[in-house]
Amino acid sequence: MAFYRIVITPPHPQQQWIALSQEQSHYLQRVLRLKNSDRFVVMDGQGKAWLAELQAEKAHLLDFLPESTELNIAVTLLVALPKGNGFEEIIRPCTELGVSTLMPVISDRTLLKPSPNKGERWQKIATEAAEQSERQWVPDILEPCSFKEALINLKDWGSEAYICVTRRESPLLWSCLETQRPSRLLIATGPEGGWTDTEIEQAIAVGFKPVSLGKRILRAITAPTVVMSLVANFAELR
């Protein structure tokens, strides 16, 4: 039987009751029409889930659920921010497909300069997508930074790192996954117009390997979803 899911503040080890926020209570009782004693699933967003029972403004934790729908590859996506609300269109499907961390960056061709309050909205979208897709983990969405700053922070990454490029002779991402079979991945996708040659060379200098997503030119909001689809498919098959 499928149950509705919400993310809550992680309970203490012996805690049996969780106070619901006003927004959560409204959603469960007014939107989903749950009544007292109806059951649903609460998640801490960090890998744990419990079967719970609604009691007024609280959730009564009944049983720990030893389930896992997470990928066996931890994927960090470094995404050059697209224009408008494009990054919001990236967060939801990438969360559903299993991304672990999203790193929004400002590249040389980035047109968007995000406002300070965007981070809270982005994290909320990720939380909702994790609830809907029955994940146990809510992805981390880091603060936006410049591409150069991101490369400095990632120079000691220590695992497989790829940068998606176009119009270059580069191996397909899928073939690299089959060859390396990584447990931890860092993949960068570019902005409208693609990465500049300088940015690509800077990434290569700190350990990124250029890869292709195919012969077609993808939109900046499409490429991250394609990346996660490929990785998720590879992870499920192996």
Protein backbone atom coordinates (compact mmCIF):
# COMPACT_ATOMS: atom_id res chain seq x y z
CA MET A 1 0.00 0.00 0.00
CA ALA A 2 1.36 3.43 -0.93
CA PHE A 3 1.43 6.16 1.71
CA TYR A 4 1.85 9.90 1.38
CA ARG A 5 5.28 11.16 2.44
CA ILE A 6 6.60 14.28 4.12
CA VAL A 7 10.06 15.36 5.29
CA ILE A 8 10.36 16.29 8.97
CA THR A 9 13.08 17.49 11.31
CA PRO A 10 15.05 14.38 12.37
CA PRO A 11 13.58 13.01 15.62
CA HIS A 12 15.62 12.09 18.68
CA PRO A 13 16.35 8.34 18.93
CA GLN A 14 13.62 7.67 21.53
CA GLN A 15 11.11 10.21 20.23
CA GLN A 16 7.70 8.77 19.32
CA TRP A 17 5.79 11.98 18.57
CA ILE A 18 6.66 14.68 16.04
CA ALA A 19 5.04 18.11 16.00
CA LEU A 20 3.97 18.99 12.46
CA SER A 21 4.47 22.46 11.06
CA GLN A 22 1.38 24.48 10.22
CA GLU A 23 2.11 23.98 6.53
CA GLN A 24 2.52 20.20 6.91
CA SER A 25 -0.64 19.91 8.99
CA HIS A 26 -2.61 21.90 6.43
CA TYR A 27 -1.27 19.78 3.59
CA LEU A 28 -2.12 16.48 5.28
CA GLN A 29 -5.54 17.43 6.59
CA ARG A 30 -6.89 19.96 4.09
CA VAL A 31 -5.18 18.95 0.84
CA LEU A 32 -4.79 15.18 1.25
CA ARG A 33 -7.90 14.91 3.48
CA LEU A 34 -6.21 12.66 6.02
CA LYS A 35 -8.05 12.16 9.30
CA ASN A 36 -6.87 11.20 12.77
CA SER A 37 -5.39 7.67 12.79
CA ASP A 38 -4.72 7.77 9.05
CA ARG A 39 -1.18 6.67 8.22
CA PHE A 40 1.58 8.26 6.19
CA VAL A 41 5.38 8.13 5.95
CA VAL A 42 7.73 10.66 7.50
CA MET A 43 11.34 11.00 6.34
CA ASP A 44 14.25 12.86 7.89
CA GLY A 45 15.74 13.61 4.46
CA GLN A 46 18.98 11.94 5.57
CA GLY A 47 18.23 8.33 4.76
CA LYS A 48 15.63 7.27 7.36
CA ALA A 49 11.86 6.82 7.12
CA TRP A 50 9.06 5.84 9.52
CA LEU A 51 5.46 4.77 9.21
CA ALA A 52 3.46 7.34 11.15
CA GLU A 53 -0.10 7.97 12.28
CA LEU A 54 -1.79 11.37 12.19
CA GLN A 55 -3.03 12.66 15.54
CA ALA A 56 -4.29 16.27 15.36
CA GLU A 57 -1.19 18.44 14.81
CA LYS A 58 1.28 15.63 15.49
CA ALA A 59 2.67 12.49 13.89
CA HIS A 60 2.91 9.34 16.00
CA LEU A 61 5.90 7.27 14.84
CA LEU A 62 4.91 3.61 14.60
CA ASP A 63 7.63 1.66 12.80
CA PHE A 64 11.03 2.30 11.27
CA LEU A 65 11.01 1.48 7.55
CA PRO A 66 14.21 -0.26 6.40
CA GLU A 67 13.76 0.70 2.76
CA SER A 68 16.09 2.18 0.19
CA THR A 69 15.36 3.68 -3.21
CA GLU A 70 18.64 5.57 -3.41
CA LEU A 71 21.21 5.13 -6.18
CA ASN A 72 24.39 3.24 -5.36
CA ILE A 73 26.31 6.12 -6.95
CA ALA A 74 26.59 9.46 -5.15
CA VAL A 75 26.13 12.07 -7.89
CA THR A 76 27.12 15.72 -7.60
CA LEU A 77 25.89 17.86 -10.48
CA LEU A 78 27.70 21.13 -11.13
CA VAL A 79 25.19 23.14 -13.15
CA ALA A 80 25.80 26.46 -14.91
CA LEU A 81 22.71 28.49 -14.03
CA PRO A 82 20.31 28.86 -16.96
CA LYS A 83 18.23 31.96 -17.55
CA GLY A 84 14.90 32.70 -15.88
CA ASN A 85 13.55 29.94 -13.64
CA GLY A 86 15.42 27.26 -15.55
CA PHE A 87 17.27 25.96 -12.51
CA GLU A 88 13.94 25.21 -10.82
CA GLU A 89 13.06 23.06 -13.84
CA ILE A 90 16.32 21.18 -13.29
CA ILE A 91 15.96 20.55 -9.56
CA ARG A 92 12.77 18.52 -9.66
CA PRO A 93 13.60 15.85 -12.29
CA CYS A 94 17.21 15.52 -11.10
CA THR A 95 15.97 14.96 -7.55
CA GLU A 96 13.50 12.36 -8.77
CA LEU A 97 16.32 10.59 -10.63
CA GLY A 98 18.59 10.43 -7.57
CA VAL A 99 21.03 13.34 -7.54
CA SER A 100 22.88 13.76 -4.22
CA THR A 101 24.12 17.36 -4.51
CA LEU A 102 23.43 20.25 -6.86
CA MET A 103 26.08 22.95 -7.28
CA PRO A 104 24.73 26.01 -9.15
CA VAL A 105 27.55 28.04 -10.69
CA ILE A 106 27.88 31.31 -12.55
CA SER A 107 29.85 30.75 -15.74
CA ASP A 108 31.17 33.23 -18.29
CA ARG A 109 27.96 32.89 -20.30
CA THR A 110 25.51 32.79 -17.40
CA LEU A 111 22.80 35.41 -17.77
CA LEU A 112 21.13 34.88 -14.39
CA LYS A 113 22.30 36.52 -11.18
CA PRO A 114 20.23 34.72 -8.50
CA SER A 115 18.63 36.71 -5.69
CA PRO A 116 19.62 35.88 -2.08
CA ASN A 117 16.27 34.22 -1.27
CA LYS A 118 16.47 31.72 -4.14
CA GLY A 119 18.28 29.11 -2.05
CA GLU A 120 15.34 28.56 0.28
CA ARG A 121 12.92 28.12 -2.64
CA TRP A 122 15.31 25.74 -4.43
CA GLN A 123 15.64 23.57 -1.32
CA LYS A 124 11.87 23.47 -0.91
CA ILE A 125 11.46 22.23 -4.48
CA ALA A 126 14.04 19.50 -3.82
CA THR A 127 12.21 18.46 -0.65
CA GLU A 128 8.86 18.21 -2.44
CA ALA A 129 10.44 16.20 -5.26
CA ALA A 130 12.09 13.81 -2.77
CA GLU A 131 8.75 13.28 -1.03
CA GLN A 132 6.96 12.61 -4.32
CA SER A 133 9.59 10.19 -5.65
CA GLU A 134 9.82 8.22 -2.38
CA ARG A 135 13.47 8.98 -1.78
CA GLN A 136 15.07 8.75 1.66
CA TRP A 137 17.53 11.60 1.01
CA VAL A 138 16.82 15.20 0.11
CA PRO A 139 19.60 16.54 -2.13
CA ASP A 140 21.80 19.36 -0.88
CA ILE A 141 21.64 22.51 -2.97
CA LEU A 142 24.76 24.57 -2.42
CA GLU A 143 25.05 28.34 -2.55
CA PRO A 144 25.76 29.68 -6.06
CA CYS A 145 29.35 30.60 -6.77
CA SER A 146 31.50 31.38 -9.78
CA PHE A 147 32.76 28.51 -11.91
CA LYS A 148 36.33 29.42 -11.00
CA GLU A 149 35.52 29.27 -7.27
CA ALA A 150 33.85 25.89 -7.75
CA LEU A 151 36.93 24.49 -9.48
CA ILE A 152 39.16 25.70 -6.65
CA ASN A 153 36.91 23.96 -4.12
CA LEU A 154 36.86 20.76 -6.18
CA LYS A 155 40.53 20.45 -7.09
CA ASP A 156 40.96 17.70 -4.47
CA TRP A 157 37.75 15.88 -5.41
CA GLY A 158 39.54 12.52 -5.63
CA SER A 159 36.90 10.66 -7.70
CA GLU A 160 35.66 10.59 -11.28
CA ALA A 161 34.82 14.07 -12.60
CA TYR A 162 33.40 14.85 -16.05
CA ILE A 163 32.50 18.01 -17.93
CA CYS A 164 29.86 17.73 -20.67
CA VAL A 165 31.01 19.39 -23.89
CA THR A 166 29.80 19.78 -27.47
CA ARG A 167 31.49 19.94 -30.87
CA ARG A 168 34.57 18.12 -29.55
CA GLU A 169 35.79 14.59 -30.06
CA SER A 170 34.95 13.22 -26.61
CA PRO A 171 33.83 9.80 -25.35
CA LEU A 172 30.18 9.28 -24.46
CA LEU A 173 29.36 9.60 -20.77
CA TRP A 174 27.81 6.10 -20.78
CA SER A 175 31.00 4.50 -22.08
CA CYS A 176 32.99 6.20 -19.31
CA LEU A 177 30.57 4.87 -16.70
CA GLU A 178 30.94 1.33 -18.06
CA THR A 179 34.73 1.58 -18.03
CA GLN A 180 35.23 3.22 -14.62
CA ARG A 181 32.16 1.93 -12.69
CA PRO A 182 32.43 4.72 -10.10
CA SER A 183 30.68 4.88 -6.72
CA ARG A 184 31.03 8.67 -6.61
CA LEU A 185 30.63 11.07 -9.51
CA LEU A 186 30.99 14.78 -10.29
CA ILE A 187 29.48 15.95 -13.58
CA ALA A 188 29.36 19.51 -14.93
CA THR A 189 26.78 20.77 -17.44
CA GLY A 190 27.07 24.11 -19.18
CA PRO A 191 24.99 27.25 -19.80
CA GLU A 192 23.17 28.42 -22.92
CA GLY A 193 25.86 28.58 -25.59
CA GLY A 194 28.01 26.02 -23.77
CA TRP A 195 31.21 26.32 -21.79
CA THR A 196 33.92 28.60 -23.18
CA ASP A 197 37.16 26.98 -24.32
CA THR A 198 38.91 28.62 -21.38
CA GLU A 199 36.45 27.12 -18.88
CA ILE A 200 36.87 23.67 -20.38
CA GLU A 201 40.64 23.89 -20.17
CA GLN A 202 40.41 25.13 -16.56
CA ALA A 203 38.22 22.15 -15.68
CA ILE A 204 40.58 19.70 -17.39
CA ALA A 205 43.49 21.23 -15.45
CA VAL A 206 41.90 20.20 -12.13
CA GLY A 207 40.99 16.67 -13.23
CA PHE A 208 37.74 16.87 -15.19
CA LYS A 209 37.45 14.67 -18.29
CA PRO A 210 35.45 15.96 -21.29
CA VAL A 211 32.47 13.77 -22.23
CA SER A 212 29.66 13.90 -24.75
CA LEU A 213 25.92 13.39 -24.26
CA GLY A 214 25.45 12.58 -27.95
CA LYS A 215 25.47 14.27 -31.34
CA ARG A 216 22.57 16.62 -30.62
CA ILE A 217 22.89 19.98 -28.90
CA LEU A 218 20.82 19.97 -25.72
CA ARG A 219 19.32 22.92 -23.89
CA ALA A 220 20.94 23.97 -20.63
CA ILE A 221 17.87 22.78 -18.69
CA THR A 222 17.76 19.46 -20.58
CA ALA A 223 21.38 18.31 -20.18
CA PRO A 224 21.33 17.78 -16.37
CA THR A 225 18.24 15.59 -16.63
CA VAL A 226 19.83 13.56 -19.43
CA VAL A 227 22.95 13.12 -17.29
CA MET A 228 20.92 11.88 -14.32
CA SER A 229 18.86 9.58 -16.54
CA LEU A 230 22.03 7.95 -17.88
CA VAL A 231 23.61 7.59 -14.44
CA ALA A 232 20.42 6.29 -12.83
CA ASN A 233 19.94 3.75 -15.61
CA PHE A 234 23.55 2.60 -15.30
CA ALA A 235 23.27 2.34 -11.49
CA GLU A 236 20.06 0.30 -11.66
CA LEU A 237 21.47 -2.12 -14.20
CA ARG A 238 24.80 -2.91 -12.59
